[in-house]
Amino acid sequence: MRHQQIISRLHVGLGILYYKDRTLIYEPLAETMLAEGYGNPLPDVLLFDHATEQTRLIVEVCQTNGQKKRS
């Protein structure tokens, strides 16, 4: 559940910058296929450049459960 909340907050925050403030030049898209076809990865959020029709940034939210802690 926490994973989805983080993705939602990230998407909303980036959306405000893109749609309302117009300070972000790439459109944030949630869980959008990188290529057509079954089995292709769905990143949590990506920033898409419509001028070049390219993905400019891929964001994958990870959990820290099981992460090795440094001493």
PDB file of N, CA and C in Angstrom:
ATOM      1  N   MET A   1       0.818  -1.184   0.000  1.00  0.00           N
ATOM      2  CA  MET A   1       0.000   0.000   0.000  1.00  0.00           C
ATOM      3  C   MET A   1       0.871   1.259   0.000  1.00  0.00           C
ATOM      4  N   ARG A   2       1.926   1.292   0.810  1.00  0.00           N
ATOM      5  CA  ARG A   2       2.807   2.461   0.895  1.00  0.00           C
ATOM      6  C   ARG A   2       3.449   2.756  -0.460  1.00  0.00           C
ATOM      7  N   HIS A   3       3.810   1.697  -1.170  1.00  0.00           N
ATOM      8  CA  HIS A   3       4.409   1.831  -2.506  1.00  0.00           C
ATOM      9  C   HIS A   3       3.480   2.618  -3.425  1.00  0.00           C
ATOM     10  N   GLN A   4       2.205   2.276  -3.458  1.00  0.00           N
ATOM     11  CA  GLN A   4       1.233   2.961  -4.314  1.00  0.00           C
ATOM     12  C   GLN A   4       1.004   4.412  -3.867  1.00  0.00           C
ATOM     13  N   GLN A   5       1.038   4.658  -2.568  1.00  0.00           N
ATOM     14  CA  GLN A   5       0.878   6.017  -2.064  1.00  0.00           C
ATOM     15  C   GLN A   5       2.034   6.914  -2.529  1.00  0.00           C
ATOM     16  N   ILE A   6       3.230   6.391  -2.491  1.00  0.00           N
ATOM     17  CA  ILE A   6       4.398   7.154  -2.921  1.00  0.00           C
ATOM     18  C   ILE A   6       4.298   7.457  -4.415  1.00  0.00           C
ATOM     19  N   ILE A   7       3.918   6.472  -5.204  1.00  0.00           N
ATOM     20  CA  ILE A   7       3.763   6.675  -6.644  1.00  0.00           C
ATOM     21  C   ILE A   7       2.700   7.733  -6.912  1.00  0.00           C
ATOM     22  N   SER A   8       1.592   7.664  -6.200  1.00  0.00           N
ATOM     23  CA  SER A   8       0.500   8.620  -6.375  1.00  0.00           C
ATOM     24  C   SER A   8       0.956  10.039  -6.055  1.00  0.00           C
ATOM     25  N   ARG A   9       1.649  10.212  -4.941  1.00  0.00           N
ATOM     26  CA  ARG A   9       2.125  11.542  -4.548  1.00  0.00           C
ATOM     27  C   ARG A   9       3.132  12.085  -5.549  1.00  0.00           C
ATOM     28  N   LEU A  10       4.007  11.236  -6.022  1.00  0.00           N
ATOM     29  CA  LEU A  10       4.989  11.631  -7.017  1.00  0.00           C
ATOM     30  C   LEU A  10       4.304  12.074  -8.310  1.00  0.00           C
ATOM     31  N   HIS A  11       3.334  11.282  -8.756  1.00  0.00           N
ATOM     32  CA  HIS A  11       2.618  11.585  -9.994  1.00  0.00           C
ATOM     33  C   HIS A  11       1.833  12.898  -9.876  1.00  0.00           C
ATOM     34  N   VAL A  12       1.174  13.107  -8.765  1.00  0.00           N
ATOM     35  CA  VAL A  12       0.408  14.341  -8.554  1.00  0.00           C
ATOM     36  C   VAL A  12       1.345  15.547  -8.511  1.00  0.00           C
ATOM     37  N   GLY A  13       2.435  15.434  -7.763  1.00  0.00           N
ATOM     38  CA  GLY A  13       3.386  16.536  -7.663  1.00  0.00           C
ATOM     39  C   GLY A  13       3.983  16.911  -9.011  1.00  0.00           C
ATOM     40  N   LEU A  14       4.388  15.906  -9.777  1.00  0.00           N
ATOM     41  CA  LEU A  14       4.927  16.160 -11.117  1.00  0.00           C
ATOM     42  C   LEU A  14       3.847  16.699 -12.047  1.00  0.00           C
ATOM     43  N   GLY A  15       2.627  16.198 -11.881  1.00  0.00           N
ATOM     44  CA  GLY A  15       1.508  16.671 -12.703  1.00  0.00           C
ATOM     45  C   GLY A  15       1.219  18.147 -12.485  1.00  0.00           C
ATOM     46  N   ILE A  16       1.301  18.592 -11.253  1.00  0.00           N
ATOM     47  CA  ILE A  16       1.094  20.015 -10.951  1.00  0.00           C
ATOM     48  C   ILE A  16       2.165  20.852 -11.645  1.00  0.00           C
ATOM     49  N   LEU A  17       3.414  20.389 -11.586  1.00  0.00           N
ATOM     50  CA  LEU A  17       4.501  21.121 -12.243  1.00  0.00           C
ATOM     51  C   LEU A  17       4.315  21.180 -13.756  1.00  0.00           C
ATOM     52  N   TYR A  18       3.778  20.106 -14.342  1.00  0.00           N
ATOM     53  CA  TYR A  18       3.616  20.048 -15.798  1.00  0.00           C
ATOM     54  C   TYR A  18       2.340  20.757 -16.269  1.00  0.00           C
ATOM     55  N   TYR A  19       1.194  20.384 -15.698  1.00  0.00           N
ATOM     56  CA  TYR A  19      -0.095  20.878 -16.191  1.00  0.00           C
ATOM     57  C   TYR A  19      -0.461  22.270 -15.675  1.00  0.00           C
ATOM     58  N   LYS A  20      -0.180  22.545 -14.402  1.00  0.00           N
ATOM     59  CA  LYS A  20      -0.621  23.805 -13.797  1.00  0.00           C
ATOM     60  C   LYS A  20       0.462  24.873 -13.856  1.00  0.00           C
ATOM     61  N   ASP A  21       1.627  24.572 -13.277  1.00  0.00           N
ATOM     62  CA  ASP A  21       2.703  25.557 -13.192  1.00  0.00           C
ATOM     63  C   ASP A  21       3.468  25.703 -14.508  1.00  0.00           C
ATOM     64  N   ARG A  22       3.426  24.663 -15.318  1.00  0.00           N
ATOM     65  CA  ARG A  22       4.150  24.640 -16.602  1.00  0.00           C
ATOM     66  C   ARG A  22       5.649  24.890 -16.439  1.00  0.00           C
ATOM     67  N   THR A  23       6.198  24.322 -15.361  1.00  0.00           N
ATOM     68  CA  THR A  23       7.636  24.438 -15.112  1.00  0.00           C
ATOM     69  C   THR A  23       8.380  23.147 -15.437  1.00  0.00           C
ATOM     70  N   LEU A  24       7.650  22.097 -15.729  1.00  0.00           N
ATOM     71  CA  LEU A  24       8.234  20.812 -16.123  1.00  0.00           C
ATOM     72  C   LEU A  24       7.939  20.624 -17.608  1.00  0.00           C
ATOM     73  N   ILE A  25       8.966  20.342 -18.406  1.00  0.00           N
ATOM     74  CA  ILE A  25       8.754  20.270 -19.860  1.00  0.00           C
ATOM     75  C   ILE A  25       8.351  18.881 -20.349  1.00  0.00           C
ATOM     76  N   TYR A  26       8.491  17.861 -19.497  1.00  0.00           N
ATOM     77  CA  TYR A  26       8.111  16.502 -19.882  1.00  0.00           C
ATOM     78  C   TYR A  26       6.860  16.073 -19.125  1.00  0.00           C
ATOM     79  N   GLU A  27       5.949  15.400 -19.817  1.00  0.00           N
ATOM     80  CA  GLU A  27       4.693  14.981 -19.190  1.00  0.00           C
ATOM     81  C   GLU A  27       4.896  13.742 -18.324  1.00  0.00           C
ATOM     82  N   PRO A  28       4.456  13.782 -17.061  1.00  0.00           N
ATOM     83  CA  PRO A  28       4.539  12.604 -16.206  1.00  0.00           C
ATOM     84  C   PRO A  28       3.403  11.630 -16.537  1.00  0.00           C
ATOM     85  N   LEU A  29       3.754  10.382 -16.740  1.00  0.00           N
ATOM     86  CA  LEU A  29       2.775   9.337 -17.041  1.00  0.00           C
ATOM     87  C   LEU A  29       2.987   8.180 -16.073  1.00  0.00           C
ATOM     88  N   ALA A  30       1.912   7.705 -15.491  1.00  0.00           N
ATOM     89  CA  ALA A  30       2.000   6.600 -14.532  1.00  0.00           C
ATOM     90  C   ALA A  30       1.763   5.269 -15.229  1.00  0.00           C
ATOM     91  N   GLU A  31       2.593   4.290 -14.888  1.00  0.00           N
ATOM     92  CA  GLU A  31       2.466   2.911 -15.357  1.00  0.00           C
ATOM     93  C   GLU A  31       2.116   2.835 -16.839  1.00  0.00           C
ATOM     94  N   THR A  32       2.992   3.384 -17.658  1.00  0.00           N
ATOM     95  CA  THR A  32       2.830   3.407 -19.108  1.00  0.00           C
ATOM     96  C   THR A  32       3.847   2.480 -19.745  1.00  0.00           C
ATOM     97  N   MET A  33       3.396   1.632 -20.675  1.00  0.00           N
ATOM     98  CA  MET A  33       4.305   0.700 -21.339  1.00  0.00           C
ATOM     99  C   MET A  33       5.383   1.445 -22.107  1.00  0.00           C
ATOM    100  N   LEU A  34       6.594   0.941 -22.047  1.00  0.00           N
ATOM    101  CA  LEU A  34       7.702   1.534 -22.785  1.00  0.00           C
ATOM    102  C   LEU A  34       7.653   1.166 -24.259  1.00  0.00           C
ATOM    103  N   ALA A  35       7.088   0.007 -24.559  1.00  0.00           N
ATOM    104  CA  ALA A  35       6.948  -0.455 -25.946  1.00  0.00           C
ATOM    105  C   ALA A  35       5.673  -1.283 -26.030  1.00  0.00           C
ATOM    106  N   GLU A  36       5.137  -1.397 -27.216  1.00  0.00           N
ATOM    107  CA  GLU A  36       3.916  -2.181 -27.406  1.00  0.00           C
ATOM    108  C   GLU A  36       4.215  -3.671 -27.272  1.00  0.00           C
ATOM    109  N   GLY A  37       3.250  -4.402 -26.741  1.00  0.00           N
ATOM    110  CA  GLY A  37       3.386  -5.850 -26.666  1.00  0.00           C
ATOM    111  C   GLY A  37       3.276  -6.372 -25.255  1.00  0.00           C
ATOM    112  N   TYR A  38       2.915  -7.626 -25.172  1.00  0.00           N
ATOM    113  CA  TYR A  38       2.734  -8.296 -23.880  1.00  0.00           C
ATOM    114  C   TYR A  38       4.080  -8.511 -23.199  1.00  0.00           C
ATOM    115  N   GLY A  39       4.117  -8.314 -21.913  1.00  0.00           N
ATOM    116  CA  GLY A  39       5.301  -8.606 -21.136  1.00  0.00           C
ATOM    117  C   GLY A  39       6.321  -7.485 -21.073  1.00  0.00           C
ATOM    118  N   ASN A  40       6.006  -6.346 -21.647  1.00  0.00           N
ATOM    119  CA  ASN A  40       6.931  -5.224 -21.555  1.00  0.00           C
ATOM    120  C   ASN A  40       6.798  -4.563 -20.191  1.00  0.00           C
ATOM    121  N   PRO A  41       7.910  -4.007 -19.694  1.00  0.00           N
ATOM    122  CA  PRO A  41       7.877  -3.409 -18.354  1.00  0.00           C
ATOM    123  C   PRO A  41       6.982  -2.180 -18.277  1.00  0.00           C
ATOM    124  N   LEU A  42       6.415  -1.985 -17.096  1.00  0.00           N
ATOM    125  CA  LEU A  42       5.588  -0.814 -16.806  1.00  0.00           C
ATOM    126  C   LEU A  42       6.246  -0.058 -15.658  1.00  0.00           C
ATOM    127  N   PRO A  43       7.038   0.969 -15.961  1.00  0.00           N
ATOM    128  CA  PRO A  43       7.643   1.739 -14.866  1.00  0.00           C
ATOM    129  C   PRO A  43       6.574   2.450 -14.049  1.00  0.00           C
ATOM    130  N   ASP A  44       6.888   2.724 -12.785  1.00  0.00           N
ATOM    131  CA  ASP A  44       5.926   3.394 -11.913  1.00  0.00           C
ATOM    132  C   ASP A  44       5.526   4.762 -12.471  1.00  0.00           C
ATOM    133  N   VAL A  45       6.506   5.546 -12.855  1.00  0.00           N
ATOM    134  CA  VAL A  45       6.270   6.869 -13.450  1.00  0.00           C
ATOM    135  C   VAL A  45       7.349   7.097 -14.498  1.00  0.00           C
ATOM    136  N   LEU A  46       6.968   7.731 -15.586  1.00  0.00           N
ATOM    137  CA  LEU A  46       7.974   8.148 -16.560  1.00  0.00           C
ATOM    138  C   LEU A  46       7.680   9.565 -16.998  1.00  0.00           C
ATOM    139  N   LEU A  47       8.713  10.243 -17.465  1.00  0.00           N
ATOM    140  CA  LEU A  47       8.558  11.583 -18.017  1.00  0.00           C
ATOM    141  C   LEU A  47       8.739  11.474 -19.517  1.00  0.00           C
ATOM    142  N   PHE A  48       7.705  11.925 -20.255  1.00  0.00           N
ATOM    143  CA  PHE A  48       7.663  11.746 -21.706  1.00  0.00           C
ATOM    144  C   PHE A  48       7.819  13.082 -22.424  1.00  0.00           C
ATOM    145  N   ASP A  49       8.683  13.080 -23.428  1.00  0.00           N
ATOM    146  CA  ASP A  49       8.939  14.254 -24.252  1.00  0.00           C
ATOM    147  C   ASP A  49       8.124  14.119 -25.533  1.00  0.00           C
ATOM    148  N   HIS A  50       7.047  14.902 -25.654  1.00  0.00           N
ATOM    149  CA  HIS A  50       6.180  14.800 -26.830  1.00  0.00           C
ATOM    150  C   HIS A  50       6.849  15.335 -28.093  1.00  0.00           C
ATOM    151  N   ALA A  51       7.763  16.287 -27.954  1.00  0.00           N
ATOM    152  CA  ALA A  51       8.440  16.865 -29.119  1.00  0.00           C
ATOM    153  C   ALA A  51       9.272  15.817 -29.866  1.00  0.00           C
ATOM    154  N   THR A  52       9.926  14.943 -29.110  1.00  0.00           N
ATOM    155  CA  THR A  52      10.771  13.911 -29.727  1.00  0.00           C
ATOM    156  C   THR A  52      10.142  12.522 -29.661  1.00  0.00           C
ATOM    157  N   GLU A  53       8.992  12.425 -28.985  1.00  0.00           N
ATOM    158  CA  GLU A  53       8.303  11.153 -28.763  1.00  0.00           C
ATOM    159  C   GLU A  53       9.219  10.128 -28.101  1.00  0.00           C
ATOM    160  N   GLN A  54       9.915  10.583 -27.044  1.00  0.00           N
ATOM    161  CA  GLN A  54      10.834   9.727 -26.306  1.00  0.00           C
ATOM    162  C   GLN A  54      10.587   9.830 -24.812  1.00  0.00           C
ATOM    163  N   THR A  55      10.841   8.726 -24.133  1.00  0.00           N
ATOM    164  CA  THR A  55      10.834   8.720 -22.681  1.00  0.00           C
ATOM    165  C   THR A  55      12.143   9.332 -22.217  1.00  0.00           C
ATOM    166  N   ARG A  56      12.065  10.341 -21.363  1.00  0.00           N
ATOM    167  CA  ARG A  56      13.267  11.028 -20.899  1.00  0.00           C
ATOM    168  C   ARG A  56      13.746  10.571 -19.530  1.00  0.00           C
ATOM    169  N   LEU A  57      12.822  10.086 -18.694  1.00  0.00           N
ATOM    170  CA  LEU A  57      13.187   9.662 -17.346  1.00  0.00           C
ATOM    171  C   LEU A  57      12.249   8.556 -16.902  1.00  0.00           C
ATOM    172  N   ILE A  58      12.800   7.525 -16.308  1.00  0.00           N
ATOM    173  CA  ILE A  58      12.010   6.422 -15.757  1.00  0.00           C
ATOM    174  C   ILE A  58      12.207   6.412 -14.250  1.00  0.00           C
ATOM    175  N   VAL A  59      11.096   6.376 -13.510  1.00  0.00           N
ATOM    176  CA  VAL A  59      11.150   6.331 -12.048  1.00  0.00           C
ATOM    177  C   VAL A  59      10.531   5.017 -11.592  1.00  0.00           C
ATOM    178  N   GLU A  60      11.276   4.257 -10.832  1.00  0.00           N
ATOM    179  CA  GLU A  60      10.797   3.007 -10.259  1.00  0.00           C
ATOM    180  C   GLU A  60      10.948   3.128  -8.749  1.00  0.00           C
ATOM    181  N   VAL A  61       9.838   3.092  -8.039  1.00  0.00           N
ATOM    182  CA  VAL A  61       9.848   3.228  -6.591  1.00  0.00           C
ATOM    183  C   VAL A  61      10.128   1.863  -5.980  1.00  0.00           C
ATOM    184  N   CYS A  62      11.134   1.818  -5.113  1.00  0.00           N
ATOM    185  CA  CYS A  62      11.535   0.560  -4.480  1.00  0.00           C
ATOM    186  C   CYS A  62      11.276   0.612  -2.985  1.00  0.00           C
ATOM    187  N   GLN A  63      11.089  -0.558  -2.416  1.00  0.00           N
ATOM    188  CA  GLN A  63      10.925  -0.652  -0.971  1.00  0.00           C
ATOM    189  C   GLN A  63      12.284  -0.905  -0.337  1.00  0.00           C
ATOM    190  N   THR A  64      12.421  -0.527   0.915  1.00  0.00           N
ATOM    191  CA  THR A  64      13.683  -0.759   1.610  1.00  0.00           C
ATOM    192  C   THR A  64      13.633  -2.004   2.480  1.00  0.00           C
ATOM    193  N   ASN A  65      12.498  -2.705   2.492  1.00  0.00           N
ATOM    194  CA  ASN A  65      12.409  -3.945   3.273  1.00  0.00           C
ATOM    195  C   ASN A  65      13.467  -4.910   2.764  1.00  0.00           C
ATOM    196  N   GLY A  66      14.243  -5.438   3.666  1.00  0.00           N
ATOM    197  CA  GLY A  66      15.261  -6.393   3.296  1.00  0.00           C
ATOM    198  C   GLY A  66      16.553  -5.741   2.817  1.00  0.00           C
ATOM    199  N   GLN A  67      16.576  -4.418   2.765  1.00  0.00           N
ATOM    200  CA  GLN A  67      17.794  -3.724   2.364  1.00  0.00           C
ATOM    201  C   GLN A  67      18.832  -3.874   3.436  1.00  0.00           C
ATOM    202  N   LYS A  68      20.039  -4.133   3.023  1.00  0.00           N
ATOM    203  CA  LYS A  68      21.125  -4.307   3.966  1.00  0.00           C
ATOM    204  C   LYS A  68      21.488  -2.955   4.571  1.00  0.00           C
ATOM    205  N   LYS A  69      21.517  -2.883   5.899  1.00  0.00           N
ATOM    206  CA  LYS A  69      21.856  -1.641   6.577  1.00  0.00           C
ATOM    207  C   LYS A  69      23.361  -1.558   6.769  1.00  0.00           C
ATOM    208  N   ARG A  70      23.896  -0.375   6.513  1.00  0.00           N
ATOM    209  CA  ARG A  70      25.333  -0.147   6.711  1.00  0.00           C
ATOM    210  C   ARG A  70      25.596   0.210   8.156  1.00  0.00           C
ATOM    211  N   SER A  71      26.718  -0.229   8.662  1.00  0.00           N
ATOM    212  CA  SER A  71      27.100   0.079  10.045  1.00  0.00           C
ATOM    213  C   SER A  71      27.833   1.386  10.133  1.00  0.00           C
TER     214      SER A  71
END
